[in-house]
Amino acid sequence: MTTSGEMISASPSNPGTNIPKLDQLHLVVVGATGMVGGYALHYALNHPAVERVTAIGRRTLGISHIKLHEVLHPDFADCSALAELLSHQDAAIFCLGAYTGSVPDVELRAITVDYTIEFARVLHRGSPSAGFAFLSGQGADPSGKSRIAFARYKGEAESALLAAGFRATYIFRPAYIFPVKQRKEPNFGYRLLREIYPVFRTLFPGQVIRADDLARVMVDVAVQGTKERTARVFENRDIRAMLEWLKNLAT
């Protein structure tokens, strides 16, 4: 584990080099201590096409893995110190976020919009051919007209990413994300949804997605990538359809 101020020299003999081997990918996972980000890290580390995973966050993960390079970065308002680390990366999976009501509105916007834009700026400078997979949310409104702050902020972040110039930009808009593992729910709405999840899933299957399933799809999309420029928005129904395709492929 290193801090963001410690840089890794790139040389063929250095196992910490940022330059990937042929056909082996280097991924970045941001927000790996979170619900979806934790599963994204798990799938990335265990994916056979991935050689190295750089996990960048504000808290330690408490795990070790031969493919893992953990980086502590306390302030995503300024990602300049990550410039060298973010060079020669193939894709980023960005899951950093906050729940509505868990932080003041000004902080919610900073985390949702400003941190995303700043990280994307530094990543694009060092890895202009990288793909960017962004965890957004159902109802995200790029027009900025929504009365819901979360929808406006996610929409603003989406618009900035689509204009950032990445080779491939993947926007994921899940509906209710089921946590899978027991946790302290962030607010009453989430506590209620967890209690009624079996019924809710039966009545509205298109409005739910498991956290681990969402992460699996995000990693797969980032790994598969494309040689052509593309921008894709995946609504909850699209994520579920891709999940079924992955499951069928594995059988």
C-alpha atoms as a PDB file:
ATOM      1  CA  MET A   1       0.000   0.000   0.000  1.00  0.00           C
ATOM      2  CA  THR A   2       1.253   3.501  -0.763  1.00  0.00           C
ATOM      3  CA  THR A   3      -0.012   7.015  -0.380  1.00  0.00           C
ATOM      4  CA  SER A   4      -0.805   9.074  -3.447  1.00  0.00           C
ATOM      5  CA  GLY A   5       2.399  11.015  -2.993  1.00  0.00           C
ATOM      6  CA  GLU A   6       4.564   7.936  -3.582  1.00  0.00           C
ATOM      7  CA  MET A   7       5.143   7.199  -7.236  1.00  0.00           C
ATOM      8  CA  ILE A   8       6.039   3.925  -8.917  1.00  0.00           C
ATOM      9  CA  SER A   9       8.811   3.923 -11.481  1.00  0.00           C
ATOM     10  CA  ALA A  10       7.941   2.239 -14.763  1.00  0.00           C
ATOM     11  CA  SER A  11      10.504  -0.294 -15.942  1.00  0.00           C
ATOM     12  CA  PRO A  12      10.296  -3.840 -17.364  1.00  0.00           C
ATOM     13  CA  SER A  13      12.070  -5.268 -14.332  1.00  0.00           C
ATOM     14  CA  ASN A  14       9.897  -3.509 -11.786  1.00  0.00           C
ATOM     15  CA  PRO A  15       6.790  -5.535 -10.820  1.00  0.00           C
ATOM     16  CA  GLY A  16       5.141  -2.275  -9.788  1.00  0.00           C
ATOM     17  CA  THR A  17       5.338  -0.751 -13.264  1.00  0.00           C
ATOM     18  CA  ASN A  18       2.274   0.974 -14.648  1.00  0.00           C
ATOM     19  CA  ILE A  19       2.831  -0.406 -18.146  1.00  0.00           C
ATOM     20  CA  PRO A  20       0.729  -3.578 -18.704  1.00  0.00           C
ATOM     21  CA  LYS A  21       1.879  -6.693 -20.511  1.00  0.00           C
ATOM     22  CA  LEU A  22       0.332  -7.608 -23.837  1.00  0.00           C
ATOM     23  CA  ASP A  23      -3.308  -8.682 -23.473  1.00  0.00           C
ATOM     24  CA  GLN A  24      -3.235  -8.078 -19.729  1.00  0.00           C
ATOM     25  CA  LEU A  25      -5.215  -5.137 -18.449  1.00  0.00           C
ATOM     26  CA  HIS A  26      -4.579  -2.554 -15.786  1.00  0.00           C
ATOM     27  CA  LEU A  27      -7.739  -1.358 -14.068  1.00  0.00           C
ATOM     28  CA  VAL A  28      -8.408   1.373 -11.535  1.00  0.00           C
ATOM     29  CA  VAL A  29     -11.175   0.969  -8.964  1.00  0.00           C
ATOM     30  CA  VAL A  30     -12.282   4.043  -7.027  1.00  0.00           C
ATOM     31  CA  GLY A  31     -14.537   3.580  -4.021  1.00  0.00           C
ATOM     32  CA  ALA A  32     -13.592  -0.005  -3.271  1.00  0.00           C
ATOM     33  CA  THR A  33     -14.577   0.322   0.398  1.00  0.00           C
ATOM     34  CA  GLY A  34     -18.177   0.930  -0.675  1.00  0.00           C
ATOM     35  CA  MET A  35     -20.967  -1.555  -1.341  1.00  0.00           C
ATOM     36  CA  VAL A  36     -20.640  -1.853  -5.126  1.00  0.00           C
ATOM     37  CA  GLY A  37     -16.990  -0.862  -5.296  1.00  0.00           C
ATOM     38  CA  GLY A  38     -15.995  -3.686  -2.962  1.00  0.00           C
ATOM     39  CA  TYR A  39     -17.527  -6.274  -5.252  1.00  0.00           C
ATOM     40  CA  ALA A  40     -16.048  -4.533  -8.294  1.00  0.00           C
ATOM     41  CA  LEU A  41     -12.614  -4.891  -6.732  1.00  0.00           C
ATOM     42  CA  HIS A  42     -13.277  -8.582  -6.037  1.00  0.00           C
ATOM     43  CA  TYR A  43     -14.291  -9.322  -9.625  1.00  0.00           C
ATOM     44  CA  ALA A  44     -11.443  -7.269 -11.069  1.00  0.00           C
ATOM     45  CA  LEU A  45      -8.833  -9.065  -8.971  1.00  0.00           C
ATOM     46  CA  ASN A  46     -10.186 -12.446  -9.991  1.00  0.00           C
ATOM     47  CA  HIS A  47     -10.659 -11.680 -13.675  1.00  0.00           C
ATOM     48  CA  PRO A  48      -8.167 -13.655 -15.818  1.00  0.00           C
ATOM     49  CA  ALA A  49      -7.687 -10.770 -18.270  1.00  0.00           C
ATOM     50  CA  VAL A  50      -6.634  -8.348 -15.528  1.00  0.00           C
ATOM     51  CA  GLU A  51      -2.977  -8.156 -14.546  1.00  0.00           C
ATOM     52  CA  ARG A  52      -3.128  -5.332 -12.030  1.00  0.00           C
ATOM     53  CA  VAL A  53      -5.772  -3.432 -10.086  1.00  0.00           C
ATOM     54  CA  THR A  54      -5.049  -0.055  -8.551  1.00  0.00           C
ATOM     55  CA  ALA A  55      -7.581   0.653  -5.805  1.00  0.00           C
ATOM     56  CA  ILE A  56      -7.698   4.320  -4.843  1.00  0.00           C
ATOM     57  CA  GLY A  57      -9.607   5.431  -1.779  1.00  0.00           C
ATOM     58  CA  ARG A  58      -9.650   7.399   1.426  1.00  0.00           C
ATOM     59  CA  ARG A  59      -9.692   4.349   3.723  1.00  0.00           C
ATOM     60  CA  THR A  60      -7.637   1.174   3.824  1.00  0.00           C
ATOM     61  CA  LEU A  61      -9.144  -2.019   2.414  1.00  0.00           C
ATOM     62  CA  GLY A  62      -7.650  -4.454   4.889  1.00  0.00           C
ATOM     63  CA  ILE A  63      -6.948  -7.068   2.221  1.00  0.00           C
ATOM     64  CA  SER A  64      -3.949  -8.214   0.221  1.00  0.00           C
ATOM     65  CA  HIS A  65      -3.739  -9.756  -3.250  1.00  0.00           C
ATOM     66  CA  ILE A  66      -0.920 -10.335  -5.696  1.00  0.00           C
ATOM     67  CA  LYS A  67      -2.676  -8.150  -8.287  1.00  0.00           C
ATOM     68  CA  LEU A  68      -3.641  -5.380  -5.903  1.00  0.00           C
ATOM     69  CA  HIS A  69      -1.939  -2.019  -5.591  1.00  0.00           C
ATOM     70  CA  GLU A  70      -3.687   0.000  -2.897  1.00  0.00           C
ATOM     71  CA  VAL A  71      -3.344   3.774  -2.865  1.00  0.00           C
ATOM     72  CA  LEU A  72      -4.583   6.083  -0.117  1.00  0.00           C
ATOM     73  CA  HIS A  73      -5.711   9.449  -1.408  1.00  0.00           C
ATOM     74  CA  PRO A  74      -7.422  11.623   1.218  1.00  0.00           C
ATOM     75  CA  ASP A  75      -8.756  14.455  -0.944  1.00  0.00           C
ATOM     76  CA  PHE A  76     -10.413  13.802  -4.305  1.00  0.00           C
ATOM     77  CA  ALA A  77     -10.930  17.537  -4.776  1.00  0.00           C
ATOM     78  CA  ASP A  78      -7.341  17.500  -6.053  1.00  0.00           C
ATOM     79  CA  CYS A  79      -6.091  14.379  -7.839  1.00  0.00           C
ATOM     80  CA  SER A  80      -2.905  15.923  -9.248  1.00  0.00           C
ATOM     81  CA  ALA A  81      -0.745  13.670  -7.055  1.00  0.00           C
ATOM     82  CA  LEU A  82      -2.252  10.643  -8.819  1.00  0.00           C
ATOM     83  CA  ALA A  83      -1.035  11.703 -12.266  1.00  0.00           C
ATOM     84  CA  GLU A  84       1.770   9.173 -12.636  1.00  0.00           C
ATOM     85  CA  LEU A  85      -0.252   6.346 -11.089  1.00  0.00           C
ATOM     86  CA  LEU A  86      -3.082   6.981 -13.544  1.00  0.00           C
ATOM     87  CA  SER A  87      -0.903   6.781 -16.635  1.00  0.00           C
ATOM     88  CA  HIS A  88      -1.053   3.691 -18.877  1.00  0.00           C
ATOM     89  CA  GLN A  89      -4.343   2.468 -17.419  1.00  0.00           C
ATOM     90  CA  ASP A  90      -6.853   0.561 -19.540  1.00  0.00           C
ATOM     91  CA  ALA A  91     -10.042   1.397 -17.671  1.00  0.00           C
ATOM     92  CA  ALA A  92     -11.439   2.901 -14.492  1.00  0.00           C
ATOM     93  CA  ILE A  93     -14.438   1.763 -12.490  1.00  0.00           C
ATOM     94  CA  PHE A  94     -15.644   4.740 -10.494  1.00  0.00           C
ATOM     95  CA  CYS A  95     -17.939   3.871  -7.577  1.00  0.00           C
ATOM     96  CA  LEU A  96     -17.197   6.746  -5.216  1.00  0.00           C
ATOM     97  CA  GLY A  97     -20.361   8.335  -3.888  1.00  0.00           C
ATOM     98  CA  ALA A  98     -22.574   9.277  -0.952  1.00  0.00           C
ATOM     99  CA  TYR A  99     -26.189   8.685  -0.013  1.00  0.00           C
ATOM    100  CA  THR A 100     -28.690  11.524   0.016  1.00  0.00           C
ATOM    101  CA  GLY A 101     -29.088  12.747   3.580  1.00  0.00           C
ATOM    102  CA  SER A 102     -25.838  11.213   4.788  1.00  0.00           C
ATOM    103  CA  VAL A 103     -23.895  14.430   4.141  1.00  0.00           C
ATOM    104  CA  PRO A 104     -24.851  18.107   3.681  1.00  0.00           C
ATOM    105  CA  ASP A 105     -26.025  19.046   0.186  1.00  0.00           C
ATOM    106  CA  VAL A 106     -22.885  20.996  -0.643  1.00  0.00           C
ATOM    107  CA  GLU A 107     -20.774  17.958   0.233  1.00  0.00           C
ATOM    108  CA  LEU A 108     -23.073  15.636  -1.717  1.00  0.00           C
ATOM    109  CA  ARG A 109     -22.530  17.720  -4.840  1.00  0.00           C
ATOM    110  CA  ALA A 110     -18.768  17.878  -4.276  1.00  0.00           C
ATOM    111  CA  ILE A 111     -18.520  14.085  -3.961  1.00  0.00           C
ATOM    112  CA  THR A 112     -20.903  13.335  -6.803  1.00  0.00           C
ATOM    113  CA  VAL A 113     -19.790  15.960  -9.318  1.00  0.00           C
ATOM    114  CA  ASP A 114     -16.520  17.653  -8.418  1.00  0.00           C
ATOM    115  CA  TYR A 115     -14.630  14.541  -7.326  1.00  0.00           C
ATOM    116  CA  THR A 116     -15.725  12.658 -10.439  1.00  0.00           C
ATOM    117  CA  ILE A 117     -14.685  15.453 -12.790  1.00  0.00           C
ATOM    118  CA  GLU A 118     -11.336  15.987 -11.087  1.00  0.00           C
ATOM    119  CA  PHE A 119     -10.456  12.297 -11.140  1.00  0.00           C
ATOM    120  CA  ALA A 120     -11.532  11.993 -14.788  1.00  0.00           C
ATOM    121  CA  ARG A 121      -9.390  14.991 -15.710  1.00  0.00           C
ATOM    122  CA  VAL A 122      -6.220  13.451 -14.310  1.00  0.00           C
ATOM    123  CA  LEU A 123      -6.987   9.971 -15.659  1.00  0.00           C
ATOM    124  CA  HIS A 124      -7.658  11.246 -19.171  1.00  0.00           C
ATOM    125  CA  ARG A 125      -4.416  13.192 -19.212  1.00  0.00           C
ATOM    126  CA  GLY A 126      -2.369  10.086 -18.408  1.00  0.00           C
ATOM    127  CA  SER A 127      -4.544   7.462 -20.115  1.00  0.00           C
ATOM    128  CA  PRO A 128      -6.472   9.106 -22.972  1.00  0.00           C
ATOM    129  CA  SER A 129      -7.394   5.713 -24.449  1.00  0.00           C
ATOM    130  CA  ALA A 130      -8.860   4.377 -21.216  1.00  0.00           C
ATOM    131  CA  GLY A 131     -12.463   3.399 -20.704  1.00  0.00           C
ATOM    132  CA  PHE A 132     -14.483   4.927 -17.855  1.00  0.00           C
ATOM    133  CA  ALA A 133     -17.289   3.028 -16.094  1.00  0.00           C
ATOM    134  CA  PHE A 134     -19.324   5.314 -13.840  1.00  0.00           C
ATOM    135  CA  LEU A 135     -21.791   4.293 -11.152  1.00  0.00           C
ATOM    136  CA  SER A 136     -24.679   6.697 -11.593  1.00  0.00           C
ATOM    137  CA  GLY A 137     -28.285   6.027 -10.605  1.00  0.00           C
ATOM    138  CA  GLN A 138     -31.780   5.614 -11.960  1.00  0.00           C
ATOM    139  CA  GLY A 139     -33.373   8.960 -12.720  1.00  0.00           C
ATOM    140  CA  ALA A 140     -30.104  10.796 -13.297  1.00  0.00           C
ATOM    141  CA  ASP A 141     -30.995  13.995 -15.123  1.00  0.00           C
ATOM    142  CA  PRO A 142     -28.342  15.543 -17.389  1.00  0.00           C
ATOM    143  CA  SER A 143     -30.730  18.427 -18.156  1.00  0.00           C
ATOM    144  CA  GLY A 144     -30.427  19.641 -14.566  1.00  0.00           C
ATOM    145  CA  LYS A 145     -34.173  20.186 -14.273  1.00  0.00           C
ATOM    146  CA  SER A 146     -34.927  17.483 -11.712  1.00  0.00           C
ATOM    147  CA  ARG A 147     -36.118  18.634  -8.299  1.00  0.00           C
ATOM    148  CA  ILE A 148     -34.130  15.799  -6.741  1.00  0.00           C
ATOM    149  CA  ALA A 149     -30.592  16.881  -5.920  1.00  0.00           C
ATOM    150  CA  PHE A 150     -29.132  13.397  -6.365  1.00  0.00           C
ATOM    151  CA  ALA A 151     -30.613  13.157  -9.882  1.00  0.00           C
ATOM    152  CA  ARG A 152     -29.287  16.576 -10.875  1.00  0.00           C
ATOM    153  CA  TYR A 153     -25.803  15.900  -9.527  1.00  0.00           C
ATOM    154  CA  LYS A 154     -25.504  12.475 -11.107  1.00  0.00           C
ATOM    155  CA  GLY A 155     -26.738  13.935 -14.387  1.00  0.00           C
ATOM    156  CA  GLU A 156     -24.179  16.714 -14.200  1.00  0.00           C
ATOM    157  CA  ALA A 157     -21.407  14.210 -13.590  1.00  0.00           C
ATOM    158  CA  GLU A 158     -22.605  12.073 -16.512  1.00  0.00           C
ATOM    159  CA  SER A 159     -22.548  15.048 -18.881  1.00  0.00           C
ATOM    160  CA  ALA A 160     -19.028  15.979 -17.811  1.00  0.00           C
ATOM    161  CA  LEU A 161     -17.764  12.438 -18.339  1.00  0.00           C
ATOM    162  CA  LEU A 162     -19.366  12.158 -21.770  1.00  0.00           C
ATOM    163  CA  ALA A 163     -17.592  15.367 -22.767  1.00  0.00           C
ATOM    164  CA  ALA A 164     -14.232  14.386 -21.229  1.00  0.00           C
ATOM    165  CA  GLY A 165     -12.911  12.652 -24.339  1.00  0.00           C
ATOM    166  CA  PHE A 166     -12.467   9.083 -23.114  1.00  0.00           C
ATOM    167  CA  ARG A 167     -12.352   6.372 -25.756  1.00  0.00           C
ATOM    168  CA  ALA A 168     -15.266   4.649 -24.070  1.00  0.00           C
ATOM    169  CA  THR A 169     -17.632   5.971 -21.422  1.00  0.00           C
ATOM    170  CA  TYR A 170     -20.053   3.619 -19.690  1.00  0.00           C
ATOM    171  CA  ILE A 171     -22.797   5.078 -17.516  1.00  0.00           C
ATOM    172  CA  PHE A 172     -24.604   2.654 -15.198  1.00  0.00           C
ATOM    173  CA  ARG A 173     -27.990   3.711 -13.817  1.00  0.00           C
ATOM    174  CA  PRO A 174     -29.147   1.009 -11.389  1.00  0.00           C
ATOM    175  CA  ALA A 175     -32.466   1.203  -9.564  1.00  0.00           C
ATOM    176  CA  TYR A 176     -32.580  -0.187  -6.005  1.00  0.00           C
ATOM    177  CA  ILE A 177     -29.269  -1.886  -5.256  1.00  0.00           C
ATOM    178  CA  PHE A 178     -29.710  -4.756  -2.813  1.00  0.00           C
ATOM    179  CA  PRO A 179     -26.711  -4.773  -0.420  1.00  0.00           C
ATOM    180  CA  VAL A 180     -26.461  -8.633  -0.233  1.00  0.00           C
ATOM    181  CA  LYS A 181     -24.456  -8.487   3.016  1.00  0.00           C
ATOM    182  CA  GLN A 182     -26.076  -7.153   6.170  1.00  0.00           C
ATOM    183  CA  ARG A 183     -25.085  -3.551   6.861  1.00  0.00           C
ATOM    184  CA  LYS A 184     -26.213  -0.423   8.681  1.00  0.00           C
ATOM    185  CA  GLU A 185     -28.621   1.160   6.219  1.00  0.00           C
ATOM    186  CA  PRO A 186     -28.010   4.872   5.491  1.00  0.00           C
ATOM    187  CA  ASN A 187     -31.606   6.030   5.928  1.00  0.00           C
ATOM    188  CA  PHE A 188     -35.175   4.925   6.609  1.00  0.00           C
ATOM    189  CA  GLY A 189     -35.985   4.357   2.934  1.00  0.00           C
ATOM    190  CA  TYR A 190     -33.174   1.853   2.559  1.00  0.00           C
ATOM    191  CA  ARG A 191     -34.093   0.134   5.828  1.00  0.00           C
ATOM    192  CA  LEU A 192     -37.652  -0.275   4.563  1.00  0.00           C
ATOM    193  CA  LEU A 193     -36.591  -1.552   1.151  1.00  0.00           C
ATOM    194  CA  ARG A 194     -34.327  -4.145   2.717  1.00  0.00           C
ATOM    195  CA  GLU A 195     -37.172  -5.426   4.906  1.00  0.00           C
ATOM    196  CA  ILE A 196     -39.609  -5.741   2.007  1.00  0.00           C
ATOM    197  CA  TYR A 197     -36.998  -6.771  -0.584  1.00  0.00           C
ATOM    198  CA  PRO A 198     -38.370 -10.320  -1.197  1.00  0.00           C
ATOM    199  CA  VAL A 199     -41.817  -8.914  -1.991  1.00  0.00           C
ATOM    200  CA  PHE A 200     -40.468  -5.893  -3.854  1.00  0.00           C
ATOM    201  CA  ARG A 201     -38.255  -8.120  -6.007  1.00  0.00           C
ATOM    202  CA  THR A 202     -41.222 -10.342  -6.879  1.00  0.00           C
ATOM    203  CA  LEU A 203     -43.559  -7.476  -7.726  1.00  0.00           C
ATOM    204  CA  PHE A 204     -41.007  -5.224  -9.439  1.00  0.00           C
ATOM    205  CA  PRO A 205     -38.120  -7.385 -10.688  1.00  0.00           C
ATOM    206  CA  GLY A 206     -37.004  -4.710 -13.129  1.00  0.00           C
ATOM    207  CA  GLN A 207     -36.465  -2.220 -10.298  1.00  0.00           C
ATOM    208  CA  VAL A 208     -33.819  -4.134  -8.343  1.00  0.00           C
ATOM    209  CA  ILE A 209     -30.270  -5.340  -8.843  1.00  0.00           C
ATOM    210  CA  ARG A 210     -27.927  -7.061  -6.390  1.00  0.00           C
ATOM    211  CA  ALA A 211     -24.760  -5.132  -5.532  1.00  0.00           C
ATOM    212  CA  ASP A 212     -22.530  -8.025  -6.549  1.00  0.00           C
ATOM    213  CA  ASP A 213     -24.360  -8.527  -9.850  1.00  0.00           C
ATOM    214  CA  LEU A 214     -24.080  -4.843 -10.707  1.00  0.00           C
ATOM    215  CA  ALA A 215     -20.358  -4.887  -9.955  1.00  0.00           C
ATOM    216  CA  ARG A 216     -19.863  -7.992 -12.077  1.00  0.00           C
ATOM    217  CA  VAL A 217     -21.446  -6.312 -15.092  1.00  0.00           C
ATOM    218  CA  MET A 218     -19.448  -3.113 -14.598  1.00  0.00           C
ATOM    219  CA  VAL A 219     -16.170  -5.017 -14.489  1.00  0.00           C
ATOM    220  CA  ASP A 220     -17.072  -7.149 -17.484  1.00  0.00           C
ATOM    221  CA  VAL A 221     -17.976  -4.121 -19.586  1.00  0.00           C
ATOM    222  CA  ALA A 222     -14.770  -2.338 -18.585  1.00  0.00           C
ATOM    223  CA  VAL A 223     -12.654  -5.401 -19.376  1.00  0.00           C
ATOM    224  CA  GLN A 224     -14.302  -6.176 -22.707  1.00  0.00           C
ATOM    225  CA  GLY A 225     -13.993  -2.578 -23.846  1.00  0.00           C
ATOM    226  CA  THR A 226     -14.016  -1.525 -27.468  1.00  0.00           C
ATOM    227  CA  LYS A 227     -11.500  -0.286 -30.010  1.00  0.00           C
ATOM    228  CA  GLU A 228     -13.961   2.273 -31.297  1.00  0.00           C
ATOM    229  CA  ARG A 229     -15.144   5.389 -29.519  1.00  0.00           C
ATOM    230  CA  THR A 230     -18.392   4.770 -27.726  1.00  0.00           C
ATOM    231  CA  ALA A 231     -20.677   6.152 -25.059  1.00  0.00           C
ATOM    232  CA  ARG A 232     -23.247   3.839 -23.508  1.00  0.00           C
ATOM    233  CA  VAL A 233     -25.894   4.398 -20.879  1.00  0.00           C
ATOM    234  CA  PHE A 234     -27.082   1.237 -19.131  1.00  0.00           C
ATOM    235  CA  GLU A 235     -30.426   1.491 -17.370  1.00  0.00           C
ATOM    236  CA  ASN A 236     -31.391  -1.116 -14.769  1.00  0.00           C
ATOM    237  CA  ARG A 237     -33.110  -3.322 -17.377  1.00  0.00           C
ATOM    238  CA  ASP A 238     -29.947  -3.272 -19.516  1.00  0.00           C
ATOM    239  CA  ILE A 239     -27.777  -4.241 -16.557  1.00  0.00           C
ATOM    240  CA  ARG A 240     -30.066  -7.160 -15.741  1.00  0.00           C
ATOM    241  CA  ALA A 241     -30.077  -8.299 -19.368  1.00  0.00           C
ATOM    242  CA  MET A 242     -26.288  -8.251 -19.485  1.00  0.00           C
ATOM    243  CA  LEU A 243     -26.160 -10.190 -16.245  1.00  0.00           C
ATOM    244  CA  GLU A 244     -28.335 -12.927 -17.719  1.00  0.00           C
ATOM    245  CA  TRP A 245     -26.094 -13.041 -20.766  1.00  0.00           C
ATOM    246  CA  LEU A 246     -23.031 -13.465 -18.529  1.00  0.00           C
ATOM    247  CA  LYS A 247     -24.713 -16.243 -16.569  1.00  0.00           C
ATOM    248  CA  ASN A 248     -25.701 -18.063 -19.748  1.00  0.00           C
ATOM    249  CA  LEU A 249     -22.186 -17.677 -21.065  1.00  0.00           C
ATOM    250  CA  ALA A 250     -20.793 -19.333 -17.944  1.00  0.00           C
ATOM    251  CA  THR A 251     -23.064 -22.393 -18.195  1.00  0.00           C
END
